[in-house]
N, C-alpha and C. Protein backbone atom coordinates (compact mmCIF):
# COMPACT_ATOMS: atom_id res chain seq x y z
N UNK A 1 0.85 -1.17 0.00
CA UNK A 1 0.00 0.00 0.00
C UNK A 1 0.89 1.24 0.00
N UNK A 2 0.85 2.08 -1.04
CA UNK A 2 1.78 3.19 -1.16
C UNK A 2 1.63 4.26 -0.08
N UNK A 3 0.47 4.47 0.47
CA UNK A 3 0.26 5.50 1.48
C UNK A 3 0.26 4.94 2.90
N UNK A 4 0.72 3.72 3.05
CA UNK A 4 0.75 3.12 4.38
C UNK A 4 1.71 3.89 5.28
N UNK A 5 1.30 4.07 6.54
CA UNK A 5 2.13 4.72 7.55
C UNK A 5 2.45 3.69 8.62
N UNK A 6 3.70 3.69 9.04
CA UNK A 6 4.18 2.70 10.01
C UNK A 6 4.65 3.44 11.27
N UNK A 7 4.06 3.09 12.40
CA UNK A 7 4.42 3.70 13.68
C UNK A 7 5.07 2.64 14.57
N UNK A 8 6.27 2.97 15.05
CA UNK A 8 6.97 2.10 15.98
C UNK A 8 6.54 2.45 17.39
N UNK A 9 6.10 1.45 18.15
CA UNK A 9 5.62 1.63 19.52
C UNK A 9 6.77 1.30 20.48
N UNK A 10 7.20 2.31 21.24
CA UNK A 10 8.35 2.15 22.13
C UNK A 10 7.91 2.19 23.60
N UNK A 11 7.93 1.03 24.27
CA UNK A 11 7.59 1.01 25.69
C UNK A 11 8.79 1.40 26.54
N UNK A 12 8.54 2.15 27.60
CA UNK A 12 9.62 2.56 28.49
C UNK A 12 9.73 1.72 29.74
N UNK A 13 8.89 0.71 29.85
CA UNK A 13 8.87 -0.13 31.05
C UNK A 13 9.30 -1.55 30.73
N UNK A 14 10.05 -2.13 31.64
CA UNK A 14 10.44 -3.53 31.51
C UNK A 14 9.43 -4.47 32.18
N UNK A 15 8.54 -3.92 32.97
CA UNK A 15 7.59 -4.74 33.74
C UNK A 15 6.54 -5.34 32.82
N UNK A 16 6.40 -6.64 32.87
CA UNK A 16 5.37 -7.32 32.07
C UNK A 16 4.00 -6.88 32.54
N UNK A 17 3.14 -6.55 31.60
CA UNK A 17 1.79 -6.15 31.93
C UNK A 17 1.67 -4.75 32.50
N UNK A 18 2.69 -3.91 32.30
CA UNK A 18 2.64 -2.55 32.83
C UNK A 18 1.54 -1.75 32.13
N UNK A 19 1.13 -0.67 32.76
CA UNK A 19 0.13 0.22 32.15
C UNK A 19 0.63 0.75 30.82
N UNK A 20 1.92 1.02 30.73
CA UNK A 20 2.52 1.54 29.51
C UNK A 20 2.44 0.52 28.38
N UNK A 21 2.71 -0.73 28.70
CA UNK A 21 2.57 -1.79 27.72
C UNK A 21 1.11 -1.93 27.29
N UNK A 22 0.20 -1.83 28.25
CA UNK A 22 -1.23 -1.92 27.95
C UNK A 22 -1.65 -0.83 26.97
N UNK A 23 -1.19 0.39 27.20
CA UNK A 23 -1.52 1.50 26.29
C UNK A 23 -1.01 1.21 24.88
N UNK A 24 0.25 0.77 24.77
CA UNK A 24 0.81 0.55 23.43
C UNK A 24 0.19 -0.66 22.74
N UNK A 25 -0.13 -1.70 23.48
CA UNK A 25 -0.79 -2.85 22.86
C UNK A 25 -2.21 -2.46 22.41
N UNK A 26 -2.85 -1.58 23.16
CA UNK A 26 -4.15 -1.07 22.74
C UNK A 26 -3.99 -0.20 21.50
N UNK A 27 -2.93 0.59 21.44
CA UNK A 27 -2.65 1.39 20.25
C UNK A 27 -2.50 0.50 19.02
N UNK A 28 -1.82 -0.63 19.19
CA UNK A 28 -1.66 -1.56 18.07
C UNK A 28 -3.02 -2.10 17.63
N UNK A 29 -3.89 -2.42 18.59
CA UNK A 29 -5.22 -2.93 18.25
C UNK A 29 -6.06 -1.87 17.56
N UNK A 30 -5.97 -0.63 18.04
CA UNK A 30 -6.72 0.47 17.42
C UNK A 30 -6.21 0.69 16.00
N UNK A 31 -4.91 0.70 15.83
CA UNK A 31 -4.32 0.92 14.51
C UNK A 31 -4.69 -0.18 13.52
N UNK A 32 -4.83 -1.40 14.00
CA UNK A 32 -5.15 -2.52 13.12
C UNK A 32 -6.48 -2.32 12.40
N UNK A 33 -7.35 -1.50 12.98
CA UNK A 33 -8.66 -1.25 12.37
C UNK A 33 -8.64 -0.06 11.41
N UNK A 34 -7.47 0.56 11.24
CA UNK A 34 -7.35 1.74 10.37
C UNK A 34 -6.62 1.34 9.09
N UNK A 35 -7.30 1.40 7.96
CA UNK A 35 -6.63 1.06 6.70
C UNK A 35 -5.42 1.98 6.47
N UNK A 36 -4.31 1.36 6.09
CA UNK A 36 -3.12 2.13 5.77
C UNK A 36 -2.26 2.48 6.98
N UNK A 37 -2.63 1.99 8.16
CA UNK A 37 -1.84 2.27 9.36
C UNK A 37 -1.34 0.94 9.92
N UNK A 38 -0.04 0.89 10.17
CA UNK A 38 0.59 -0.32 10.69
C UNK A 38 1.47 0.05 11.87
N UNK A 39 1.52 -0.80 12.87
CA UNK A 39 2.39 -0.57 14.01
C UNK A 39 3.29 -1.77 14.24
N UNK A 40 4.40 -1.51 14.89
CA UNK A 40 5.30 -2.56 15.35
C UNK A 40 5.63 -2.25 16.80
N UNK A 41 5.50 -3.25 17.65
CA UNK A 41 5.80 -3.10 19.08
C UNK A 41 7.26 -3.49 19.27
N UNK A 42 8.08 -2.55 19.77
CA UNK A 42 9.49 -2.84 20.01
C UNK A 42 9.62 -3.60 21.33
N UNK A 43 10.14 -4.80 21.26
CA UNK A 43 10.23 -5.66 22.44
C UNK A 43 11.68 -5.89 22.89
N UNK A 44 12.61 -5.09 22.39
CA UNK A 44 14.01 -5.34 22.68
C UNK A 44 14.64 -4.52 23.78
N UNK A 45 13.84 -3.79 24.55
CA UNK A 45 14.38 -2.90 25.58
C UNK A 45 15.31 -3.62 26.54
N UNK A 46 14.90 -4.76 27.04
CA UNK A 46 15.69 -5.49 28.05
C UNK A 46 16.99 -6.03 27.48
N UNK A 47 17.08 -6.22 26.17
CA UNK A 47 18.27 -6.80 25.56
C UNK A 47 19.34 -5.81 25.14
N UNK A 48 19.07 -4.52 25.29
CA UNK A 48 20.06 -3.52 24.88
C UNK A 48 21.23 -3.50 25.88
N UNK A 49 22.45 -3.45 25.36
CA UNK A 49 23.59 -3.33 26.28
C UNK A 49 23.63 -1.92 26.87
N UNK A 50 24.33 -1.77 27.96
CA UNK A 50 24.53 -0.44 28.54
C UNK A 50 25.21 0.43 27.50
N UNK A 51 24.75 1.67 27.38
CA UNK A 51 25.34 2.57 26.40
C UNK A 51 26.80 2.85 26.75
N UNK A 52 27.63 2.73 25.74
CA UNK A 52 29.04 3.04 25.86
C UNK A 52 29.46 3.65 24.53
N UNK A 53 29.87 4.92 24.52
CA UNK A 53 30.25 5.56 23.26
C UNK A 53 31.34 4.80 22.51
N UNK A 54 32.18 4.06 23.24
CA UNK A 54 33.23 3.27 22.58
C UNK A 54 32.65 2.17 21.70
N UNK A 55 31.41 1.76 21.99
CA UNK A 55 30.77 0.69 21.22
C UNK A 55 29.77 1.22 20.19
N UNK A 56 29.69 2.55 20.09
CA UNK A 56 28.77 3.16 19.12
C UNK A 56 29.49 3.35 17.79
N UNK A 57 30.04 2.24 17.31
CA UNK A 57 30.78 2.22 16.04
C UNK A 57 30.41 0.95 15.30
N UNK A 58 30.69 0.94 14.01
CA UNK A 58 30.43 -0.27 13.22
C UNK A 58 31.50 -1.31 13.50
N UNK A 59 31.12 -2.54 13.68
CA UNK A 59 29.74 -3.01 13.71
C UNK A 59 29.12 -2.75 15.09
N UNK A 60 27.89 -2.28 15.06
CA UNK A 60 27.16 -2.03 16.29
C UNK A 60 26.80 -3.35 16.97
N UNK A 61 26.64 -3.32 18.30
CA UNK A 61 26.11 -4.52 18.96
C UNK A 61 24.77 -4.88 18.30
N UNK A 62 24.50 -6.15 18.10
CA UNK A 62 23.32 -6.60 17.37
C UNK A 62 22.01 -6.00 17.89
N UNK A 63 21.77 -5.97 19.20
CA UNK A 63 20.51 -5.37 19.67
C UNK A 63 20.39 -3.88 19.30
N UNK A 64 21.51 -3.17 19.27
CA UNK A 64 21.50 -1.75 18.90
C UNK A 64 21.23 -1.61 17.41
N UNK A 65 21.85 -2.44 16.60
CA UNK A 65 21.59 -2.42 15.16
C UNK A 65 20.12 -2.70 14.88
N UNK A 66 19.53 -3.64 15.63
CA UNK A 66 18.11 -3.95 15.45
C UNK A 66 17.22 -2.77 15.86
N UNK A 67 17.57 -2.10 16.97
CA UNK A 67 16.83 -0.92 17.40
C UNK A 67 16.88 0.15 16.32
N UNK A 68 18.06 0.46 15.85
CA UNK A 68 18.20 1.52 14.85
C UNK A 68 17.50 1.15 13.54
N UNK A 69 17.52 -0.11 13.18
CA UNK A 69 16.80 -0.54 11.98
C UNK A 69 15.30 -0.38 12.16
N UNK A 70 14.79 -0.70 13.35
CA UNK A 70 13.36 -0.54 13.62
C UNK A 70 12.96 0.93 13.57
N UNK A 71 13.79 1.80 14.12
CA UNK A 71 13.52 3.24 14.07
C UNK A 71 13.55 3.72 12.62
N UNK A 72 14.55 3.29 11.88
CA UNK A 72 14.68 3.69 10.47
C UNK A 72 13.48 3.25 9.65
N UNK A 73 12.96 2.07 9.91
CA UNK A 73 11.85 1.52 9.12
C UNK A 73 10.52 2.20 9.41
N UNK A 74 10.43 2.90 10.53
CA UNK A 74 9.16 3.54 10.94
C UNK A 74 9.03 4.94 10.35
N UNK A 75 7.79 5.33 10.14
CA UNK A 75 7.50 6.71 9.72
C UNK A 75 7.38 7.63 10.92
N UNK A 76 7.05 7.06 12.09
CA UNK A 76 6.88 7.85 13.31
C UNK A 76 7.06 6.91 14.50
N UNK A 77 7.24 7.51 15.68
CA UNK A 77 7.43 6.76 16.91
C UNK A 77 6.40 7.20 17.94
N UNK A 78 5.86 6.23 18.69
CA UNK A 78 4.96 6.52 19.80
C UNK A 78 5.55 5.89 21.05
N UNK A 79 5.79 6.72 22.06
CA UNK A 79 6.39 6.30 23.32
C UNK A 79 5.34 6.28 24.42
N UNK A 80 5.44 5.30 25.29
CA UNK A 80 4.66 5.29 26.53
C UNK A 80 5.61 4.77 27.61
N UNK A 81 5.99 5.66 28.53
CA UNK A 81 6.98 5.30 29.54
C UNK A 81 6.53 5.75 30.91
N UNK A 82 6.89 4.98 31.93
CA UNK A 82 6.61 5.43 33.28
C UNK A 82 7.64 6.48 33.71
N UNK A 83 7.40 7.03 34.87
CA UNK A 83 8.36 7.94 35.51
C UNK A 83 8.92 7.21 36.72
N UNK A 84 10.24 7.15 36.82
CA UNK A 84 10.90 6.57 37.98
C UNK A 84 11.75 7.66 38.62
N UNK A 85 11.53 7.90 39.89
CA UNK A 85 12.32 8.88 40.65
C UNK A 85 12.36 10.23 39.94
N UNK A 86 11.24 10.63 39.35
CA UNK A 86 11.12 11.95 38.75
C UNK A 86 11.68 12.09 37.35
N UNK A 87 12.04 10.99 36.71
CA UNK A 87 12.62 11.07 35.37
C UNK A 87 12.32 9.78 34.60
N UNK A 88 12.99 9.59 33.49
CA UNK A 88 12.81 8.37 32.70
C UNK A 88 13.44 7.18 33.40
N UNK A 89 12.88 5.99 33.22
CA UNK A 89 13.55 4.79 33.72
C UNK A 89 14.92 4.67 33.05
N UNK A 90 15.90 4.18 33.78
CA UNK A 90 17.25 4.06 33.25
C UNK A 90 17.32 3.23 31.98
N UNK A 91 16.54 2.16 31.92
CA UNK A 91 16.57 1.29 30.74
C UNK A 91 16.06 2.02 29.50
N UNK A 92 15.06 2.88 29.67
CA UNK A 92 14.54 3.61 28.51
C UNK A 92 15.48 4.75 28.11
N UNK A 93 16.08 5.41 29.10
CA UNK A 93 17.08 6.43 28.79
C UNK A 93 18.23 5.79 28.02
N UNK A 94 18.60 4.58 28.40
CA UNK A 94 19.65 3.84 27.70
C UNK A 94 19.27 3.64 26.23
N UNK A 95 18.01 3.26 25.98
CA UNK A 95 17.54 3.10 24.59
C UNK A 95 17.73 4.41 23.83
N UNK A 96 17.30 5.50 24.44
CA UNK A 96 17.42 6.80 23.76
C UNK A 96 18.88 7.18 23.55
N UNK A 97 19.75 6.86 24.51
CA UNK A 97 21.17 7.15 24.34
C UNK A 97 21.74 6.46 23.10
N UNK A 98 21.27 5.24 22.84
CA UNK A 98 21.75 4.52 21.66
C UNK A 98 21.26 5.15 20.36
N UNK A 99 20.23 6.00 20.41
CA UNK A 99 19.75 6.64 19.18
C UNK A 99 20.46 7.95 18.88
N UNK A 100 21.18 8.50 19.86
CA UNK A 100 21.84 9.80 19.66
C UNK A 100 22.91 9.71 18.58
N UNK A 101 23.69 8.65 18.59
CA UNK A 101 24.81 8.53 17.65
C UNK A 101 24.41 8.19 16.23
N UNK A 102 23.18 7.78 16.01
CA UNK A 102 22.71 7.47 14.66
C UNK A 102 21.90 8.63 14.10
N UNK A 103 21.50 8.48 12.87
CA UNK A 103 20.69 9.53 12.23
C UNK A 103 19.26 9.06 12.00
N UNK A 104 18.95 7.84 12.40
CA UNK A 104 17.64 7.25 12.10
C UNK A 104 16.48 8.02 12.70
N UNK A 105 16.68 8.61 13.86
CA UNK A 105 15.59 9.29 14.55
C UNK A 105 15.50 10.78 14.15
N UNK A 106 16.52 11.29 13.49
CA UNK A 106 16.54 12.71 13.10
C UNK A 106 15.33 13.04 12.24
N UNK A 107 14.61 14.08 12.63
CA UNK A 107 13.42 14.57 11.92
C UNK A 107 12.26 13.58 11.90
N UNK A 108 12.36 12.49 12.65
CA UNK A 108 11.28 11.50 12.72
C UNK A 108 10.20 12.02 13.66
N UNK A 109 8.92 12.04 13.24
CA UNK A 109 7.85 12.47 14.14
C UNK A 109 7.74 11.53 15.35
N UNK A 110 7.65 12.14 16.53
CA UNK A 110 7.55 11.37 17.78
C UNK A 110 6.45 11.99 18.64
N UNK A 111 5.66 11.12 19.25
CA UNK A 111 4.67 11.54 20.23
C UNK A 111 4.72 10.59 21.40
N UNK A 112 3.99 10.94 22.45
CA UNK A 112 3.93 10.05 23.60
C UNK A 112 2.58 10.14 24.28
N UNK A 113 2.29 9.07 24.98
CA UNK A 113 1.10 9.02 25.84
C UNK A 113 1.59 8.82 27.26
N UNK A 114 1.23 9.73 28.13
CA UNK A 114 1.55 9.62 29.54
C UNK A 114 0.31 9.06 30.22
N UNK A 115 0.41 7.86 30.76
CA UNK A 115 -0.76 7.23 31.38
C UNK A 115 -0.69 7.25 32.90
N UNK A 116 0.21 8.07 33.45
CA UNK A 116 0.36 8.17 34.90
C UNK A 116 -0.86 8.82 35.54
N UNK A 117 -1.00 8.57 36.82
CA UNK A 117 -2.09 9.19 37.59
C UNK A 117 -1.92 10.71 37.57
N UNK A 118 -3.00 11.44 37.72
CA UNK A 118 -2.90 12.91 37.74
C UNK A 118 -1.84 13.38 38.76
N UNK A 119 -1.06 14.37 38.33
CA UNK A 119 0.00 14.89 39.17
C UNK A 119 1.30 14.13 39.09
N UNK A 120 1.34 13.06 38.32
CA UNK A 120 2.55 12.24 38.17
C UNK A 120 2.97 12.23 36.71
N UNK A 121 4.22 11.88 36.46
CA UNK A 121 4.71 11.69 35.10
C UNK A 121 5.31 12.90 34.43
N UNK A 122 5.22 14.07 35.04
CA UNK A 122 5.75 15.28 34.42
C UNK A 122 7.26 15.25 34.25
N UNK A 123 7.96 14.64 35.20
CA UNK A 123 9.42 14.55 35.10
C UNK A 123 9.84 13.70 33.91
N UNK A 124 9.13 12.60 33.67
CA UNK A 124 9.45 11.75 32.52
C UNK A 124 9.19 12.50 31.22
N UNK A 125 8.07 13.23 31.16
CA UNK A 125 7.76 14.00 29.95
C UNK A 125 8.85 15.04 29.68
N UNK A 126 9.23 15.76 30.70
CA UNK A 126 10.24 16.81 30.55
C UNK A 126 11.58 16.23 30.08
N UNK A 127 11.99 15.15 30.72
CA UNK A 127 13.25 14.52 30.33
C UNK A 127 13.16 13.94 28.92
N UNK A 128 12.04 13.34 28.60
CA UNK A 128 11.86 12.78 27.26
C UNK A 128 11.98 13.88 26.20
N UNK A 129 11.33 15.00 26.44
CA UNK A 129 11.41 16.11 25.49
C UNK A 129 12.86 16.58 25.32
N UNK A 130 13.59 16.68 26.44
CA UNK A 130 14.98 17.13 26.39
C UNK A 130 15.84 16.16 25.59
N UNK A 131 15.74 14.87 25.92
CA UNK A 131 16.58 13.87 25.24
C UNK A 131 16.21 13.78 23.76
N UNK A 132 14.92 13.83 23.45
CA UNK A 132 14.53 13.80 22.03
C UNK A 132 15.09 14.99 21.27
N UNK A 133 15.25 16.12 21.95
CA UNK A 133 15.88 17.27 21.32
C UNK A 133 17.31 16.97 20.90
N UNK A 134 18.03 16.23 21.73
CA UNK A 134 19.40 15.85 21.40
C UNK A 134 19.46 14.85 20.25
N UNK A 135 18.43 14.04 20.10
CA UNK A 135 18.43 13.05 19.02
C UNK A 135 18.04 13.67 17.68
N UNK A 136 17.45 14.86 17.71
CA UNK A 136 16.99 15.49 16.48
C UNK A 136 15.60 15.07 16.06
N UNK A 137 14.90 14.34 16.95
CA UNK A 137 13.53 13.90 16.63
C UNK A 137 12.61 15.11 16.51
N UNK A 138 11.56 14.96 15.74
CA UNK A 138 10.55 16.02 15.55
C UNK A 138 9.37 15.72 16.47
N UNK A 139 9.35 16.31 17.66
CA UNK A 139 8.26 16.08 18.60
C UNK A 139 6.99 16.72 18.05
N UNK A 140 5.94 15.93 17.94
CA UNK A 140 4.64 16.39 17.47
C UNK A 140 3.81 16.71 18.71
N UNK A 141 3.77 17.98 19.08
CA UNK A 141 3.11 18.36 20.34
C UNK A 141 1.67 17.87 20.43
N UNK A 142 0.95 17.88 19.31
CA UNK A 142 -0.45 17.44 19.31
C UNK A 142 -0.58 15.94 19.54
N UNK A 143 0.54 15.21 19.45
CA UNK A 143 0.54 13.76 19.68
C UNK A 143 1.20 13.41 21.01
N UNK A 144 1.31 14.39 21.90
CA UNK A 144 1.86 14.18 23.24
C UNK A 144 0.75 14.49 24.23
N UNK A 145 0.16 13.43 24.78
CA UNK A 145 -1.04 13.60 25.60
C UNK A 145 -0.94 12.83 26.91
N UNK A 146 -1.80 13.22 27.82
CA UNK A 146 -1.97 12.50 29.09
C UNK A 146 -3.31 11.79 29.04
N UNK A 147 -3.26 10.51 29.25
CA UNK A 147 -4.46 9.69 29.35
C UNK A 147 -4.29 8.83 30.60
N UNK A 148 -4.63 9.36 31.77
CA UNK A 148 -4.46 8.59 33.00
C UNK A 148 -5.21 7.26 32.90
N UNK A 149 -4.55 6.22 33.33
CA UNK A 149 -5.11 4.88 33.25
C UNK A 149 -5.29 4.33 34.65
N UNK A 150 -6.50 3.94 34.96
CA UNK A 150 -6.79 3.34 36.27
C UNK A 150 -6.19 1.94 36.34
N UNK A 151 -5.74 1.56 37.52
CA UNK A 151 -5.28 0.18 37.69
C UNK A 151 -6.44 -0.74 37.36
N UNK A 152 -6.15 -1.82 36.69
CA UNK A 152 -7.19 -2.76 36.33
C UNK A 152 -8.00 -2.34 35.12
N UNK A 153 -7.52 -1.35 34.37
CA UNK A 153 -8.26 -0.88 33.20
C UNK A 153 -8.18 -1.86 32.03
N UNK A 154 -7.24 -2.78 32.09
CA UNK A 154 -7.08 -3.74 31.00
C UNK A 154 -8.10 -4.86 31.12
N UNK A 155 -8.58 -5.30 29.97
CA UNK A 155 -9.49 -6.44 29.94
C UNK A 155 -8.66 -7.73 30.01
N UNK A 156 -9.28 -8.90 30.00
CA UNK A 156 -8.52 -10.15 30.10
C UNK A 156 -7.48 -10.34 28.99
N UNK A 157 -7.67 -9.64 27.85
CA UNK A 157 -6.70 -9.74 26.76
C UNK A 157 -5.54 -8.76 26.92
N UNK A 158 -5.55 -7.96 28.00
CA UNK A 158 -4.49 -6.99 28.22
C UNK A 158 -4.66 -5.71 27.44
N UNK A 159 -5.87 -5.43 26.99
CA UNK A 159 -6.16 -4.22 26.22
C UNK A 159 -7.15 -3.35 26.98
N UNK A 160 -7.17 -2.08 26.63
CA UNK A 160 -8.11 -1.15 27.23
C UNK A 160 -9.42 -1.21 26.45
N UNK A 161 -10.50 -1.48 27.16
CA UNK A 161 -11.80 -1.60 26.50
C UNK A 161 -12.55 -0.27 26.44
N UNK A 162 -12.24 0.67 27.32
CA UNK A 162 -12.96 1.94 27.40
C UNK A 162 -12.94 2.64 26.03
N UNK A 163 -14.10 2.86 25.42
CA UNK A 163 -14.14 3.45 24.08
C UNK A 163 -13.59 4.88 24.02
N UNK A 164 -13.73 5.65 25.10
CA UNK A 164 -13.20 7.01 25.10
C UNK A 164 -11.67 7.01 25.12
N UNK A 165 -11.08 6.10 25.88
CA UNK A 165 -9.62 5.99 25.91
C UNK A 165 -9.12 5.50 24.56
N UNK A 166 -9.79 4.52 23.98
CA UNK A 166 -9.38 4.02 22.66
C UNK A 166 -9.49 5.12 21.61
N UNK A 167 -10.52 5.95 21.72
CA UNK A 167 -10.68 7.06 20.78
C UNK A 167 -9.52 8.05 20.91
N UNK A 168 -9.13 8.37 22.13
CA UNK A 168 -8.01 9.30 22.34
C UNK A 168 -6.71 8.71 21.81
N UNK A 169 -6.50 7.42 22.02
CA UNK A 169 -5.31 6.76 21.48
C UNK A 169 -5.34 6.82 19.96
N UNK A 170 -6.50 6.60 19.37
CA UNK A 170 -6.65 6.69 17.92
C UNK A 170 -6.32 8.09 17.40
N UNK A 171 -6.70 9.11 18.15
CA UNK A 171 -6.39 10.49 17.75
C UNK A 171 -4.88 10.73 17.74
N UNK A 172 -4.18 10.19 18.74
CA UNK A 172 -2.73 10.32 18.79
C UNK A 172 -2.10 9.63 17.57
N UNK A 173 -2.56 8.44 17.28
CA UNK A 173 -2.03 7.70 16.12
C UNK A 173 -2.29 8.48 14.83
N UNK A 174 -3.46 9.06 14.69
CA UNK A 174 -3.80 9.83 13.49
C UNK A 174 -2.88 11.05 13.35
N UNK A 175 -2.62 11.72 14.45
CA UNK A 175 -1.74 12.89 14.42
C UNK A 175 -0.32 12.50 14.01
N UNK A 176 0.15 11.38 14.54
CA UNK A 176 1.49 10.92 14.16
C UNK A 176 1.53 10.48 12.71
N UNK A 177 0.49 9.79 12.27
CA UNK A 177 0.45 9.34 10.87
C UNK A 177 0.41 10.51 9.90
N UNK A 178 -0.21 11.59 10.33
CA UNK A 178 -0.32 12.78 9.45
C UNK A 178 0.93 13.65 9.48
N UNK A 179 1.79 13.45 10.47
CA UNK A 179 2.98 14.32 10.62
C UNK A 179 4.02 14.02 9.54
């Protein structure tokens, strides 16, 4: 399909079944119902080596090469990450550090969904915006939203059933696809 748009879904949490994973898996389900929109869920966060500038050379460590290839193949990126100690989780910051030395993320449209409880998550958003600035990513402000998610919001399939939440996630995907 010549007008197909591909969005890479980047989770910032290593915890299985996290709210962030639930949001991105729901985003994949919402996107599946939209003709011309395709998503890929990045599942390699735990396998990335610790960032070391000495290793940011060819040949790249295989997990890093796979990350950069996934970013390169996408038209846009959607992030959903928790906040740990007022900032990004170390593992997700590590992922972003590996993107600084490449050009794959430069000018790539990026948005995020913050699903933290009201009053939480601002530190992660702020740090994410700062780090994305260093990578050269094109932050799409209209695709950066807060959708607080109640514990237990996932159905037995691990997806969000609430039609209003799914609609908001769909709006974010549409904004990224149009960027």
